[in-house]
Amino acid sequence: MNLHKWKNRSLVTDAEFARNMKLGYPVEAFCITTCKTVAYGKIEHIDNESVIIHGQRFRRNGCAFFGLISSPNVEAKSS
């Protein structure tokens, strides 16, 4: 697993999960115990404890979730 992915694509807050669900972006559920991707797809439902992807429930504290996160506005540098 690449460190860049952990730092820049990890979904943590409810707002990040909700944004991915609202926009229909797929997310990756990565099992921390087995170190394998266990699901990839659109979020069907989220709550404080879990995320449902393809009808399967994944605990938020047992998996790492990767998707599109909000990035701060990047100002164009003038030359």
PDB file of N, CA and C in Angstrom:
ATOM      1  N   MET A   1       0.865  -1.174   0.000  1.00  0.00           N
ATOM      2  CA  MET A   1       0.000   0.000   0.000  1.00  0.00           C
ATOM      3  C   MET A   1       0.899   1.221   0.000  1.00  0.00           C
ATOM      4  N   ASN A   2       0.596   2.106  -0.839  1.00  0.00           N
ATOM      5  CA  ASN A   2       1.423   3.289  -1.038  1.00  0.00           C
ATOM      6  C   ASN A   2       1.042   4.404  -0.060  1.00  0.00           C
ATOM      7  N   LEU A   3       2.047   5.024   0.534  1.00  0.00           N
ATOM      8  CA  LEU A   3       1.837   6.061   1.553  1.00  0.00           C
ATOM      9  C   LEU A   3       1.053   7.248   1.006  1.00  0.00           C
ATOM     10  N   HIS A   4       1.291   7.589  -0.259  1.00  0.00           N
ATOM     11  CA  HIS A   4       0.560   8.702  -0.891  1.00  0.00           C
ATOM     12  C   HIS A   4      -0.948   8.436  -0.849  1.00  0.00           C
ATOM     13  N   LYS A   5      -1.336   7.203  -1.102  1.00  0.00           N
ATOM     14  CA  LYS A   5      -2.756   6.840  -1.085  1.00  0.00           C
ATOM     15  C   LYS A   5      -3.334   6.986   0.326  1.00  0.00           C
ATOM     16  N   TRP A   6      -2.597   6.544   1.336  1.00  0.00           N
ATOM     17  CA  TRP A   6      -3.069   6.657   2.718  1.00  0.00           C
ATOM     18  C   TRP A   6      -3.252   8.110   3.106  1.00  0.00           C
ATOM     19  N   LYS A   7      -2.326   8.963   2.697  1.00  0.00           N
ATOM     20  CA  LYS A   7      -2.370  10.369   3.096  1.00  0.00           C
ATOM     21  C   LYS A   7      -3.390  11.184   2.308  1.00  0.00           C
ATOM     22  N   ASN A   8      -3.561  10.891   1.032  1.00  0.00           N
ATOM     23  CA  ASN A   8      -4.342  11.762   0.161  1.00  0.00           C
ATOM     24  C   ASN A   8      -5.688  11.209  -0.291  1.00  0.00           C
ATOM     25  N   ARG A   9      -5.988   9.978  -0.028  1.00  0.00           N
ATOM     26  CA  ARG A   9      -7.249   9.383  -0.486  1.00  0.00           C
ATOM     27  C   ARG A   9      -8.080   8.735   0.618  1.00  0.00           C
ATOM     28  N   SER A  10      -7.605   8.785   1.866  1.00  0.00           N
ATOM     29  CA  SER A  10      -8.339   8.157   2.968  1.00  0.00           C
ATOM     30  C   SER A  10      -9.603   8.952   3.293  1.00  0.00           C
ATOM     31  N   LEU A  11     -10.715   8.237   3.377  1.00  0.00           N
ATOM     32  CA  LEU A  11     -11.977   8.849   3.792  1.00  0.00           C
ATOM     33  C   LEU A  11     -12.094   8.671   5.299  1.00  0.00           C
ATOM     34  N   VAL A  12     -12.306   9.773   6.013  1.00  0.00           N
ATOM     35  CA  VAL A  12     -12.356   9.713   7.468  1.00  0.00           C
ATOM     36  C   VAL A  12     -13.645  10.315   7.997  1.00  0.00           C
ATOM     37  N   THR A  13     -13.971  11.517   7.573  1.00  0.00           N
ATOM     38  CA  THR A  13     -15.119  12.230   8.142  1.00  0.00           C
ATOM     39  C   THR A  13     -16.428  11.805   7.480  1.00  0.00           C
ATOM     40  N   ASP A  14     -17.516  12.044   8.199  1.00  0.00           N
ATOM     41  CA  ASP A  14     -18.839  11.761   7.642  1.00  0.00           C
ATOM     42  C   ASP A  14     -19.064  12.551   6.360  1.00  0.00           C
ATOM     43  N   ALA A  15     -18.574  13.786   6.321  1.00  0.00           N
ATOM     44  CA  ALA A  15     -18.752  14.636   5.136  1.00  0.00           C
ATOM     45  C   ALA A  15     -18.052  14.036   3.918  1.00  0.00           C
ATOM     46  N   GLU A  16     -16.877  13.450   4.112  1.00  0.00           N
ATOM     47  CA  GLU A  16     -16.157  12.833   2.986  1.00  0.00           C
ATOM     48  C   GLU A  16     -16.907  11.617   2.462  1.00  0.00           C
ATOM     49  N   PHE A  17     -17.427  10.785   3.371  1.00  0.00           N
ATOM     50  CA  PHE A  17     -18.216   9.632   2.950  1.00  0.00           C
ATOM     51  C   PHE A  17     -19.484  10.085   2.234  1.00  0.00           C
ATOM     52  N   ALA A  18     -20.168  11.074   2.802  1.00  0.00           N
ATOM     53  CA  ALA A  18     -21.424  11.564   2.227  1.00  0.00           C
ATOM     54  C   ALA A  18     -21.201  12.157   0.842  1.00  0.00           C
ATOM     55  N   ARG A  19     -20.116  12.872   0.657  1.00  0.00           N
ATOM     56  CA  ARG A  19     -19.818  13.478  -0.652  1.00  0.00           C
ATOM     57  C   ARG A  19     -19.605  12.395  -1.714  1.00  0.00           C
ATOM     58  N   ASN A  20     -18.854  11.356  -1.376  1.00  0.00           N
ATOM     59  CA  ASN A  20     -18.631  10.259  -2.313  1.00  0.00           C
ATOM     60  C   ASN A  20     -19.936   9.542  -2.639  1.00  0.00           C
ATOM     61  N   MET A  21     -20.787   9.367  -1.618  1.00  0.00           N
ATOM     62  CA  MET A  21     -22.066   8.699  -1.837  1.00  0.00           C
ATOM     63  C   MET A  21     -22.976   9.559  -2.710  1.00  0.00           C
ATOM     64  N   LYS A  22     -23.042  10.850  -2.425  1.00  0.00           N
ATOM     65  CA  LYS A  22     -23.907  11.767  -3.171  1.00  0.00           C
ATOM     66  C   LYS A  22     -23.506  11.847  -4.644  1.00  0.00           C
ATOM     67  N   LEU A  23     -22.207  11.912  -4.891  1.00  0.00           N
ATOM     68  CA  LEU A  23     -21.715  12.031  -6.261  1.00  0.00           C
ATOM     69  C   LEU A  23     -21.624  10.688  -6.985  1.00  0.00           C
ATOM     70  N   GLY A  24     -21.804   9.603  -6.255  1.00  0.00           N
ATOM     71  CA  GLY A  24     -21.783   8.275  -6.866  1.00  0.00           C
ATOM     72  C   GLY A  24     -20.395   7.774  -7.198  1.00  0.00           C
ATOM     73  N   TYR A  25     -19.386   8.344  -6.556  1.00  0.00           N
ATOM     74  CA  TYR A  25     -18.018   7.899  -6.811  1.00  0.00           C
ATOM     75  C   TYR A  25     -17.761   6.566  -6.117  1.00  0.00           C
ATOM     76  N   PRO A  26     -17.030   5.684  -6.752  1.00  0.00           N
ATOM     77  CA  PRO A  26     -16.694   4.416  -6.090  1.00  0.00           C
ATOM     78  C   PRO A  26     -15.645   4.634  -5.010  1.00  0.00           C
ATOM     79  N   VAL A  27     -15.690   3.792  -3.993  1.00  0.00           N
ATOM     80  CA  VAL A  27     -14.698   3.805  -2.932  1.00  0.00           C
ATOM     81  C   VAL A  27     -14.112   2.407  -2.796  1.00  0.00           C
ATOM     82  N   GLU A  28     -12.941   2.346  -2.221  1.00  0.00           N
ATOM     83  CA  GLU A  28     -12.276   1.076  -1.966  1.00  0.00           C
ATOM     84  C   GLU A  28     -12.316   0.808  -0.471  1.00  0.00           C
ATOM     85  N   ALA A  29     -12.740  -0.383  -0.080  1.00  0.00           N
ATOM     86  CA  ALA A  29     -12.685  -0.813   1.315  1.00  0.00           C
ATOM     87  C   ALA A  29     -11.498  -1.757   1.440  1.00  0.00           C
ATOM     88  N   PHE A  30     -10.547  -1.396   2.291  1.00  0.00           N
ATOM     89  CA  PHE A  30      -9.304  -2.140   2.468  1.00  0.00           C
ATOM     90  C   PHE A  30      -9.267  -2.687   3.881  1.00  0.00           C
ATOM     91  N   CYS A  31      -9.241  -4.011   4.021  1.00  0.00           N
ATOM     92  CA  CYS A  31      -9.222  -4.648   5.340  1.00  0.00           C
ATOM     93  C   CYS A  31      -7.850  -4.462   5.973  1.00  0.00           C
ATOM     94  N   ILE A  32      -7.823  -3.876   7.160  1.00  0.00           N
ATOM     95  CA  ILE A  32      -6.571  -3.612   7.855  1.00  0.00           C
ATOM     96  C   ILE A  32      -5.950  -4.905   8.383  1.00  0.00           C
ATOM     97  N   THR A  33      -6.777  -5.888   8.728  1.00  0.00           N
ATOM     98  CA  THR A  33      -6.288  -7.148   9.271  1.00  0.00           C
ATOM     99  C   THR A  33      -5.619  -8.016   8.211  1.00  0.00           C
ATOM    100  N   THR A  34      -6.285  -8.186   7.068  1.00  0.00           N
ATOM    101  CA  THR A  34      -5.756  -9.061   6.012  1.00  0.00           C
ATOM    102  C   THR A  34      -4.895  -8.320   4.998  1.00  0.00           C
ATOM    103  N   CYS A  35      -4.924  -6.988   5.050  1.00  0.00           N
ATOM    104  CA  CYS A  35      -4.173  -6.138   4.105  1.00  0.00           C
ATOM    105  C   CYS A  35      -4.568  -6.418   2.659  1.00  0.00           C
ATOM    106  N   LYS A  36      -5.882  -6.569   2.445  1.00  0.00           N
ATOM    107  CA  LYS A  36      -6.412  -6.803   1.106  1.00  0.00           C
ATOM    108  C   LYS A  36      -7.627  -5.928   0.862  1.00  0.00           C
ATOM    109  N   THR A  37      -7.837  -5.579  -0.397  1.00  0.00           N
ATOM    110  CA  THR A  37      -9.046  -4.861  -0.778  1.00  0.00           C
ATOM    111  C   THR A  37     -10.208  -5.845  -0.714  1.00  0.00           C
ATOM    112  N   VAL A  38     -11.248  -5.487   0.052  1.00  0.00           N
ATOM    113  CA  VAL A  38     -12.387  -6.387   0.219  1.00  0.00           C
ATOM    114  C   VAL A  38     -13.606  -5.939  -0.569  1.00  0.00           C
ATOM    115  N   ALA A  39     -13.622  -4.689  -1.028  1.00  0.00           N
ATOM    116  CA  ALA A  39     -14.747  -4.209  -1.834  1.00  0.00           C
ATOM    117  C   ALA A  39     -14.319  -2.963  -2.597  1.00  0.00           C
ATOM    118  N   TYR A  40     -14.965  -2.776  -3.739  1.00  0.00           N
ATOM    119  CA  TYR A  40     -14.762  -1.570  -4.529  1.00  0.00           C
ATOM    120  C   TYR A  40     -16.088  -1.267  -5.215  1.00  0.00           C
ATOM    121  N   GLY A  41     -16.646  -0.104  -4.943  1.00  0.00           N
ATOM    122  CA  GLY A  41     -17.906   0.254  -5.568  1.00  0.00           C
ATOM    123  C   GLY A  41     -18.532   1.462  -4.896  1.00  0.00           C
ATOM    124  N   LYS A  42     -19.766   1.731  -5.290  1.00  0.00           N
ATOM    125  CA  LYS A  42     -20.497   2.883  -4.758  1.00  0.00           C
ATOM    126  C   LYS A  42     -21.021   2.587  -3.352  1.00  0.00           C
ATOM    127  N   ILE A  43     -21.019   3.613  -2.525  1.00  0.00           N
ATOM    128  CA  ILE A  43     -21.566   3.497  -1.175  1.00  0.00           C
ATOM    129  C   ILE A  43     -23.084   3.478  -1.271  1.00  0.00           C
ATOM    130  N   GLU A  44     -23.697   2.462  -0.675  1.00  0.00           N
ATOM    131  CA  GLU A  44     -25.154   2.366  -0.658  1.00  0.00           C
ATOM    132  C   GLU A  44     -25.747   3.025   0.588  1.00  0.00           C
ATOM    133  N   HIS A  45     -25.024   2.923   1.708  1.00  0.00           N
ATOM    134  CA  HIS A  45     -25.514   3.487   2.969  1.00  0.00           C
ATOM    135  C   HIS A  45     -24.316   3.709   3.892  1.00  0.00           C
ATOM    136  N   ILE A  46     -24.392   4.770   4.690  1.00  0.00           N
ATOM    137  CA  ILE A  46     -23.370   5.032   5.699  1.00  0.00           C
ATOM    138  C   ILE A  46     -24.042   5.355   7.027  1.00  0.00           C
ATOM    139  N   ASP A  47     -23.386   4.992   8.111  1.00  0.00           N
ATOM    140  CA  ASP A  47     -23.803   5.429   9.443  1.00  0.00           C
ATOM    141  C   ASP A  47     -22.547   5.576  10.293  1.00  0.00           C
ATOM    142  N   ASN A  48     -22.702   5.823  11.570  1.00  0.00           N
ATOM    143  CA  ASN A  48     -21.542   6.066  12.436  1.00  0.00           C
ATOM    144  C   ASN A  48     -20.637   4.855  12.581  1.00  0.00           C
ATOM    145  N   GLU A  49     -21.185   3.662  12.408  1.00  0.00           N
ATOM    146  CA  GLU A  49     -20.434   2.430  12.645  1.00  0.00           C
ATOM    147  C   GLU A  49     -19.942   1.736  11.389  1.00  0.00           C
ATOM    148  N   SER A  50     -20.669   1.888  10.269  1.00  0.00           N
ATOM    149  CA  SER A  50     -20.346   1.071   9.104  1.00  0.00           C
ATOM    150  C   SER A  50     -20.685   1.754   7.781  1.00  0.00           C
ATOM    151  N   VAL A  51     -20.190   1.114   6.725  1.00  0.00           N
ATOM    152  CA  VAL A  51     -20.435   1.554   5.352  1.00  0.00           C
ATOM    153  C   VAL A  51     -20.906   0.324   4.582  1.00  0.00           C
ATOM    154  N   ILE A  52     -21.951   0.472   3.777  1.00  0.00           N
ATOM    155  CA  ILE A  52     -22.443  -0.647   2.979  1.00  0.00           C
ATOM    156  C   ILE A  52     -22.071  -0.409   1.524  1.00  0.00           C
ATOM    157  N   ILE A  53     -21.347  -1.393   0.949  1.00  0.00           N
ATOM    158  CA  ILE A  53     -20.934  -1.383  -0.451  1.00  0.00           C
ATOM    159  C   ILE A  53     -21.334  -2.728  -1.039  1.00  0.00           C
ATOM    160  N   HIS A  54     -22.063  -2.726  -2.147  1.00  0.00           N
ATOM    161  CA  HIS A  54     -22.539  -3.964  -2.800  1.00  0.00           C
ATOM    162  C   HIS A  54     -23.279  -4.880  -1.834  1.00  0.00           C
ATOM    163  N   GLY A  55     -24.066  -4.287  -0.936  1.00  0.00           N
ATOM    164  CA  GLY A  55     -24.868  -5.082  -0.012  1.00  0.00           C
ATOM    165  C   GLY A  55     -24.091  -5.659   1.160  1.00  0.00           C
ATOM    166  N   GLN A  56     -22.804  -5.410   1.237  1.00  0.00           N
ATOM    167  CA  GLN A  56     -21.997  -5.906   2.348  1.00  0.00           C
ATOM    168  C   GLN A  56     -21.670  -4.762   3.293  1.00  0.00           C
ATOM    169  N   ARG A  57     -21.756  -5.048   4.590  1.00  0.00           N
ATOM    170  CA  ARG A  57     -21.473  -4.050   5.625  1.00  0.00           C
ATOM    171  C   ARG A  57     -20.011  -4.165   6.054  1.00  0.00           C
ATOM    172  N   PHE A  58     -19.333  -3.026   6.053  1.00  0.00           N
ATOM    173  CA  PHE A  58     -17.937  -2.958   6.490  1.00  0.00           C
ATOM    174  C   PHE A  58     -17.842  -1.974   7.646  1.00  0.00           C
ATOM    175  N   ARG A  59     -17.247  -2.428   8.747  1.00  0.00           N
ATOM    176  CA  ARG A  59     -17.105  -1.560   9.917  1.00  0.00           C
ATOM    177  C   ARG A  59     -16.081  -0.480   9.637  1.00  0.00           C
ATOM    178  N   ARG A  60     -16.411   0.746  10.020  1.00  0.00           N
ATOM    179  CA  ARG A  60     -15.527   1.875   9.756  1.00  0.00           C
ATOM    180  C   ARG A  60     -14.228   1.793  10.545  1.00  0.00           C
ATOM    181  N   ASN A  61     -14.242   1.111  11.691  1.00  0.00           N
ATOM    182  CA  ASN A  61     -13.003   0.990  12.460  1.00  0.00           C
ATOM    183  C   ASN A  61     -12.206  -0.258  12.109  1.00  0.00           C
ATOM    184  N   GLY A  62     -12.700  -1.098  11.184  1.00  0.00           N
ATOM    185  CA  GLY A  62     -11.987  -2.312  10.786  1.00  0.00           C
ATOM    186  C   GLY A  62     -11.428  -2.255   9.381  1.00  0.00           C
ATOM    187  N   CYS A  63     -11.801  -1.229   8.653  1.00  0.00           N
ATOM    188  CA  CYS A  63     -11.338  -1.072   7.271  1.00  0.00           C
ATOM    189  C   CYS A  63     -10.854   0.352   7.047  1.00  0.00           C
ATOM    190  N   ALA A  64      -9.976   0.479   6.084  1.00  0.00           N
ATOM    191  CA  ALA A  64      -9.595   1.800   5.600  1.00  0.00           C
ATOM    192  C   ALA A  64     -10.396   2.022   4.324  1.00  0.00           C
ATOM    193  N   PHE A  65     -10.895   3.222   4.138  1.00  0.00           N
ATOM    194  CA  PHE A  65     -11.693   3.529   2.959  1.00  0.00           C
ATOM    195  C   PHE A  65     -10.981   4.599   2.148  1.00  0.00           C
ATOM    196  N   PHE A  66     -10.894   4.350   0.847  1.00  0.00           N
ATOM    197  CA  PHE A  66     -10.220   5.286  -0.042  1.00  0.00           C
ATOM    198  C   PHE A  66     -11.192   5.760  -1.111  1.00  0.00           C
ATOM    199  N   GLY A  67     -11.154   7.040  -1.399  1.00  0.00           N
ATOM    200  CA  GLY A  67     -12.030   7.614  -2.414  1.00  0.00           C
ATOM    201  C   GLY A  67     -11.587   9.030  -2.720  1.00  0.00           C
ATOM    202  N   LEU A  68     -12.506   9.804  -3.258  1.00  0.00           N
ATOM    203  CA  LEU A  68     -12.210  11.190  -3.592  1.00  0.00           C
ATOM    204  C   LEU A  68     -12.480  12.059  -2.375  1.00  0.00           C
ATOM    205  N   ILE A  69     -11.497  12.795  -1.947  1.00  0.00           N
ATOM    206  CA  ILE A  69     -11.696  13.706  -0.825  1.00  0.00           C
ATOM    207  C   ILE A  69     -11.625  15.137  -1.323  1.00  0.00           C
ATOM    208  N   SER A  70     -12.209  16.025  -0.561  1.00  0.00           N
ATOM    209  CA  SER A  70     -12.171  17.440  -0.920  1.00  0.00           C
ATOM    210  C   SER A  70     -10.748  17.935  -0.784  1.00  0.00           C
ATOM    211  N   SER A  71     -10.296  18.617  -1.796  1.00  0.00           N
ATOM    212  CA  SER A  71      -8.960  19.187  -1.718  1.00  0.00           C
ATOM    213  C   SER A  71      -9.087  20.695  -1.604  1.00  0.00           C
ATOM    214  N   PRO A  72      -8.173  21.315  -0.871  1.00  0.00           N
ATOM    215  CA  PRO A  72      -8.238  22.766  -0.761  1.00  0.00           C
ATOM    216  C   PRO A  72      -8.046  23.407  -2.124  1.00  0.00           C
ATOM    217  N   ASN A  73      -8.622  24.580  -2.290  1.00  0.00           N
ATOM    218  CA  ASN A  73      -8.457  25.288  -3.560  1.00  0.00           C
ATOM    219  C   ASN A  73      -6.993  25.594  -3.778  1.00  0.00           C
ATOM    220  N   VAL A  74      -6.550  25.245  -4.933  1.00  0.00           N
ATOM    221  CA  VAL A  74      -5.156  25.486  -5.272  1.00  0.00           C
ATOM    222  C   VAL A  74      -5.108  26.735  -6.152  1.00  0.00           C
ATOM    223  N   GLU A  75      -4.386  27.733  -5.682  1.00  0.00           N
ATOM    224  CA  GLU A  75      -4.283  28.959  -6.435  1.00  0.00           C
ATOM    225  C   GLU A  75      -3.186  28.821  -7.486  1.00  0.00           C
ATOM    226  N   ALA A  76      -3.467  29.308  -8.655  1.00  0.00           N
ATOM    227  CA  ALA A  76      -2.479  29.267  -9.731  1.00  0.00           C
ATOM    228  C   ALA A  76      -1.349  30.242  -9.408  1.00  0.00           C
ATOM    229  N   LYS A  77      -0.143  29.779  -9.593  1.00  0.00           N
ATOM    230  CA  LYS A  77       1.009  30.636  -9.345  1.00  0.00           C
ATOM    231  C   LYS A  77       1.275  31.482 -10.578  1.00  0.00           C
ATOM    232  N   SER A  78       1.552  32.736 -10.361  1.00  0.00           N
ATOM    233  CA  SER A  78       1.877  33.590 -11.489  1.00  0.00           C
ATOM    234  C   SER A  78       3.384  33.551 -11.706  1.00  0.00           C
ATOM    235  N   SER A  79       3.793  33.584 -12.962  1.00  0.00           N
ATOM    236  CA  SER A  79       5.224  33.518 -13.239  1.00  0.00           C
ATOM    237  C   SER A  79       5.808  34.878 -13.499  1.00  0.00           C
TER     238      SER A  79
END
